[in-house]
């Protein structure tokens, strides 16, 4: 169980370290090509959520993030013992939520820097916390599907 919290802490540290490096070494909107026409490190800021929605709604994000954190800790303590996929997913969500929450509290905005162009689509710029949140959701979906399959087999 404590390993799940350790994973969350690792995500938070990695997220904050990478953001600190971006803030300290790059000008805002500066872009460094890593793989031309595909992947760039671009210093960007976001006062909203994913894809820039709900710009400037900080009180909303504070409240939602605190609810998510409490909910995730509750579910981890109740159900993560039974499913490694659920535990890992919740750990990643917890780390990602706290990582972006720290930015909102300390900076009033979230630092983003992972910038991809996929074919002709410019994917919204994101960060380690965002990645962690997305992977966490996918792992929870996998855990749910595995649990559903087990329940169906148990009923047969």
C-alpha atoms as a PDB file:
ATOM      1  CA  UNK A   1       0.000   0.000   0.000  1.00  0.00           C
ATOM      2  CA  UNK A   2       2.772   2.441   0.875  1.00  0.00           C
ATOM      3  CA  UNK A   3       4.388   1.738  -2.493  1.00  0.00           C
ATOM      4  CA  UNK A   4       1.388   3.384  -4.149  1.00  0.00           C
ATOM      5  CA  UNK A   5       1.987   6.558  -2.147  1.00  0.00           C
ATOM      6  CA  UNK A   6       5.695   6.354  -2.937  1.00  0.00           C
ATOM      7  CA  UNK A   7       4.838   6.212  -6.652  1.00  0.00           C
ATOM      8  CA  UNK A   8       2.669   9.325  -6.213  1.00  0.00           C
ATOM      9  CA  UNK A   9       5.552  11.131  -4.515  1.00  0.00           C
ATOM     10  CA  UNK A  10       7.942  10.141  -7.323  1.00  0.00           C
ATOM     11  CA  UNK A  11       5.481  11.548  -9.889  1.00  0.00           C
ATOM     12  CA  UNK A  12       5.147  14.802  -7.918  1.00  0.00           C
ATOM     13  CA  UNK A  13       8.929  15.210  -7.622  1.00  0.00           C
ATOM     14  CA  UNK A  14       9.535  14.391 -11.294  1.00  0.00           C
ATOM     15  CA  UNK A  15       6.745  16.758 -12.345  1.00  0.00           C
ATOM     16  CA  UNK A  16       7.953  19.641 -10.207  1.00  0.00           C
ATOM     17  CA  UNK A  17      11.610  19.101 -11.131  1.00  0.00           C
ATOM     18  CA  UNK A  18      10.898  19.147 -14.867  1.00  0.00           C
ATOM     19  CA  UNK A  19       8.711  22.242 -14.511  1.00  0.00           C
ATOM     20  CA  UNK A  20      11.390  23.989 -12.444  1.00  0.00           C
ATOM     21  CA  UNK A  21      13.974  23.232 -15.144  1.00  0.00           C
ATOM     22  CA  UNK A  22      11.676  24.692 -17.828  1.00  0.00           C
ATOM     23  CA  UNK A  23      10.935  27.851 -15.819  1.00  0.00           C
ATOM     24  CA  UNK A  24      14.607  28.424 -14.934  1.00  0.00           C
ATOM     25  CA  UNK A  25      16.192  27.654 -18.313  1.00  0.00           C
ATOM     26  CA  UNK A  26      13.689  28.710 -20.985  1.00  0.00           C
ATOM     27  CA  UNK A  27      11.880  31.892 -21.912  1.00  0.00           C
ATOM     28  CA  UNK A  28       8.107  31.703 -22.121  1.00  0.00           C
ATOM     29  CA  UNK A  29       7.071  30.291 -25.539  1.00  0.00           C
ATOM     30  CA  UNK A  30      10.664  29.321 -26.360  1.00  0.00           C
ATOM     31  CA  UNK A  31      10.701  26.033 -28.250  1.00  0.00           C
ATOM     32  CA  UNK A  32      13.509  23.503 -28.617  1.00  0.00           C
ATOM     33  CA  UNK A  33      13.127  20.879 -31.361  1.00  0.00           C
ATOM     34  CA  UNK A  34      13.775  17.335 -30.138  1.00  0.00           C
ATOM     35  CA  UNK A  35      12.415  15.514 -33.207  1.00  0.00           C
ATOM     36  CA  UNK A  36      11.737  18.034 -35.963  1.00  0.00           C
ATOM     37  CA  UNK A  37       8.074  18.305 -37.010  1.00  0.00           C
ATOM     38  CA  UNK A  38       7.050  15.890 -34.239  1.00  0.00           C
ATOM     39  CA  UNK A  39       8.310  16.657 -30.694  1.00  0.00           C
ATOM     40  CA  UNK A  40       9.439  19.919 -29.114  1.00  0.00           C
ATOM     41  CA  UNK A  41      10.139  21.156 -25.614  1.00  0.00           C
ATOM     42  CA  UNK A  42       8.106  24.374 -25.507  1.00  0.00           C
ATOM     43  CA  UNK A  43       7.795  26.600 -22.439  1.00  0.00           C
ATOM     44  CA  UNK A  44       4.096  27.321 -22.020  1.00  0.00           C
ATOM     45  CA  UNK A  45       1.663  28.242 -19.248  1.00  0.00           C
ATOM     46  CA  UNK A  46      -1.944  27.261 -18.745  1.00  0.00           C
ATOM     47  CA  UNK A  47      -4.446  28.939 -16.407  1.00  0.00           C
ATOM     48  CA  UNK A  48      -7.113  26.372 -17.279  1.00  0.00           C
ATOM     49  CA  UNK A  49      -7.503  22.622 -17.555  1.00  0.00           C
ATOM     50  CA  UNK A  50      -6.705  20.233 -20.390  1.00  0.00           C
ATOM     51  CA  UNK A  51      -6.752  21.884 -23.800  1.00  0.00           C
ATOM     52  CA  UNK A  52      -6.961  25.265 -22.075  1.00  0.00           C
ATOM     53  CA  UNK A  53     -10.617  24.926 -21.066  1.00  0.00           C
ATOM     54  CA  UNK A  54     -11.973  26.889 -18.094  1.00  0.00           C
ATOM     55  CA  UNK A  55      -9.207  29.501 -18.223  1.00  0.00           C
ATOM     56  CA  UNK A  56      -8.703  31.406 -14.984  1.00  0.00           C
ATOM     57  CA  UNK A  57     -11.177  29.390 -12.890  1.00  0.00           C
ATOM     58  CA  UNK A  58      -8.666  28.823 -10.061  1.00  0.00           C
ATOM     59  CA  UNK A  59     -11.170  28.506  -7.193  1.00  0.00           C
ATOM     60  CA  UNK A  60     -12.997  25.825  -9.187  1.00  0.00           C
ATOM     61  CA  UNK A  61      -9.707  23.944  -9.745  1.00  0.00           C
ATOM     62  CA  UNK A  62      -8.737  24.202  -6.064  1.00  0.00           C
ATOM     63  CA  UNK A  63     -12.071  22.729  -4.957  1.00  0.00           C
ATOM     64  CA  UNK A  64     -12.166  19.992  -7.606  1.00  0.00           C
ATOM     65  CA  UNK A  65      -8.552  19.000  -6.969  1.00  0.00           C
ATOM     66  CA  UNK A  66      -9.109  18.715  -3.212  1.00  0.00           C
ATOM     67  CA  UNK A  67     -12.198  16.550  -3.829  1.00  0.00           C
ATOM     68  CA  UNK A  68     -10.210  14.355  -6.242  1.00  0.00           C
ATOM     69  CA  UNK A  69      -7.327  13.985  -3.763  1.00  0.00           C
ATOM     70  CA  UNK A  70      -9.650  12.981  -0.909  1.00  0.00           C
ATOM     71  CA  UNK A  71     -11.540  10.579  -3.182  1.00  0.00           C
ATOM     72  CA  UNK A  72      -8.386   8.968  -4.531  1.00  0.00           C
ATOM     73  CA  UNK A  73      -6.901   8.476  -1.046  1.00  0.00           C
ATOM     74  CA  UNK A  74     -10.190   6.937   0.094  1.00  0.00           C
ATOM     75  CA  UNK A  75     -10.348   4.527  -2.857  1.00  0.00           C
ATOM     76  CA  UNK A  76      -6.682   3.638  -2.470  1.00  0.00           C
ATOM     77  CA  UNK A  77      -7.152   2.766   1.183  1.00  0.00           C
ATOM     78  CA  UNK A  78     -10.320   0.728   0.487  1.00  0.00           C
ATOM     79  CA  UNK A  79      -9.723  -1.015  -2.850  1.00  0.00           C
ATOM     80  CA  UNK A  80      -6.103  -0.772  -4.022  1.00  0.00           C
ATOM     81  CA  UNK A  81      -5.107  -3.797  -1.935  1.00  0.00           C
ATOM     82  CA  UNK A  82      -7.255  -5.981  -4.171  1.00  0.00           C
ATOM     83  CA  UNK A  83      -6.073  -4.713  -7.559  1.00  0.00           C
ATOM     84  CA  UNK A  84      -2.574  -3.677  -8.564  1.00  0.00           C
ATOM     85  CA  UNK A  85      -3.981  -1.981 -11.698  1.00  0.00           C
ATOM     86  CA  UNK A  86      -6.375   0.093  -9.626  1.00  0.00           C
ATOM     87  CA  UNK A  87      -3.636   0.935  -7.126  1.00  0.00           C
ATOM     88  CA  UNK A  88      -1.229   2.030  -9.843  1.00  0.00           C
ATOM     89  CA  UNK A  89      -3.922   4.039 -11.618  1.00  0.00           C
ATOM     90  CA  UNK A  90      -4.970   5.825  -8.450  1.00  0.00           C
ATOM     91  CA  UNK A  91      -1.307   6.497  -7.561  1.00  0.00           C
ATOM     92  CA  UNK A  92      -0.702   8.140 -10.917  1.00  0.00           C
ATOM     93  CA  UNK A  93      -3.871  10.212 -10.630  1.00  0.00           C
ATOM     94  CA  UNK A  94      -2.925  11.312  -7.109  1.00  0.00           C
ATOM     95  CA  UNK A  95       0.603  12.316  -8.176  1.00  0.00           C
ATOM     96  CA  UNK A  96      -0.643  14.138 -11.268  1.00  0.00           C
ATOM     97  CA  UNK A  97      -3.412  15.975  -9.431  1.00  0.00           C
ATOM     98  CA  UNK A  98      -1.052  17.142  -6.692  1.00  0.00           C
ATOM     99  CA  UNK A  99       1.638  18.110  -9.227  1.00  0.00           C
ATOM    100  CA  UNK A 100      -0.665  20.482 -11.098  1.00  0.00           C
ATOM    101  CA  UNK A 101      -2.248  21.659  -7.807  1.00  0.00           C
ATOM    102  CA  UNK A 102       1.184  22.782  -6.588  1.00  0.00           C
ATOM    103  CA  UNK A 103       1.592  24.859  -9.758  1.00  0.00           C
ATOM    104  CA  UNK A 104      -1.802  26.490  -9.339  1.00  0.00           C
ATOM    105  CA  UNK A 105      -1.091  27.339  -5.701  1.00  0.00           C
ATOM    106  CA  UNK A 106       2.489  28.598  -6.190  1.00  0.00           C
ATOM    107  CA  UNK A 107       2.325  30.115  -9.674  1.00  0.00           C
ATOM    108  CA  UNK A 108      -1.351  30.739 -10.369  1.00  0.00           C
ATOM    109  CA  UNK A 109      -0.906  28.701 -13.563  1.00  0.00           C
ATOM    110  CA  UNK A 110       0.373  25.309 -14.719  1.00  0.00           C
ATOM    111  CA  UNK A 111       3.713  24.952 -16.499  1.00  0.00           C
ATOM    112  CA  UNK A 112       3.443  22.868 -19.681  1.00  0.00           C
ATOM    113  CA  UNK A 113       6.290  21.883 -21.998  1.00  0.00           C
ATOM    114  CA  UNK A 114       5.767  18.581 -23.855  1.00  0.00           C
ATOM    115  CA  UNK A 115       4.741  19.686 -27.337  1.00  0.00           C
ATOM    116  CA  UNK A 116       3.774  17.193 -30.067  1.00  0.00           C
ATOM    117  CA  UNK A 117       2.692  17.519 -33.674  1.00  0.00           C
ATOM    118  CA  UNK A 118       0.930  14.339 -34.773  1.00  0.00           C
ATOM    119  CA  UNK A 119       0.599  14.397 -38.551  1.00  0.00           C
ATOM    120  CA  UNK A 120      -0.915  17.845 -39.121  1.00  0.00           C
ATOM    121  CA  UNK A 121      -2.467  18.100 -35.644  1.00  0.00           C
ATOM    122  CA  UNK A 122      -0.767  20.239 -33.005  1.00  0.00           C
ATOM    123  CA  UNK A 123      -1.568  18.368 -29.793  1.00  0.00           C
ATOM    124  CA  UNK A 124      -2.097  20.640 -26.743  1.00  0.00           C
ATOM    125  CA  UNK A 125       1.122  21.172 -24.784  1.00  0.00           C
ATOM    126  CA  UNK A 126       1.198  19.154 -21.546  1.00  0.00           C
ATOM    127  CA  UNK A 127       3.475  18.080 -18.664  1.00  0.00           C
ATOM    128  CA  UNK A 128       4.447  15.082 -16.513  1.00  0.00           C
ATOM    129  CA  UNK A 129       1.417  15.524 -14.203  1.00  0.00           C
ATOM    130  CA  UNK A 130      -0.959  15.570 -17.174  1.00  0.00           C
ATOM    131  CA  UNK A 131       0.653  12.406 -18.550  1.00  0.00           C
ATOM    132  CA  UNK A 132       0.357  10.748 -15.166  1.00  0.00           C
ATOM    133  CA  UNK A 133      -3.332  11.637 -14.927  1.00  0.00           C
ATOM    134  CA  UNK A 134      -4.066  10.204 -18.391  1.00  0.00           C
ATOM    135  CA  UNK A 135      -2.149   6.967 -17.818  1.00  0.00           C
ATOM    136  CA  UNK A 136      -3.824   6.644 -14.406  1.00  0.00           C
ATOM    137  CA  UNK A 137      -7.284   6.870 -15.966  1.00  0.00           C
ATOM    138  CA  UNK A 138      -6.358   4.213 -18.546  1.00  0.00           C
ATOM    139  CA  UNK A 139      -5.114   1.891 -15.766  1.00  0.00           C
ATOM    140  CA  UNK A 140      -8.368   2.369 -13.837  1.00  0.00           C
ATOM    141  CA  UNK A 141     -10.324   1.465 -16.976  1.00  0.00           C
ATOM    142  CA  UNK A 142      -8.181  -1.666 -17.334  1.00  0.00           C
ATOM    143  CA  UNK A 143      -8.765  -2.508 -13.644  1.00  0.00           C
ATOM    144  CA  UNK A 144     -12.504  -2.078 -14.131  1.00  0.00           C
ATOM    145  CA  UNK A 145     -12.532  -4.328 -17.196  1.00  0.00           C
ATOM    146  CA  UNK A 146     -10.519  -7.004 -15.367  1.00  0.00           C
ATOM    147  CA  UNK A 147     -12.869  -6.799 -12.377  1.00  0.00           C
ATOM    148  CA  UNK A 148     -15.935  -7.056 -14.650  1.00  0.00           C
ATOM    149  CA  UNK A 149     -14.483 -10.121 -16.336  1.00  0.00           C
ATOM    150  CA  UNK A 150     -13.753 -11.766 -12.957  1.00  0.00           C
ATOM    151  CA  UNK A 151     -17.287 -11.031 -11.760  1.00  0.00           C
ATOM    152  CA  UNK A 152     -18.827 -12.525 -14.917  1.00  0.00           C
ATOM    153  CA  UNK A 153     -16.727 -15.683 -14.593  1.00  0.00           C
ATOM    154  CA  UNK A 154     -17.689 -15.948 -10.921  1.00  0.00           C
ATOM    155  CA  UNK A 155     -21.391 -15.834 -11.823  1.00  0.00           C
ATOM    156  CA  UNK A 156     -21.084 -18.620 -14.413  1.00  0.00           C
END
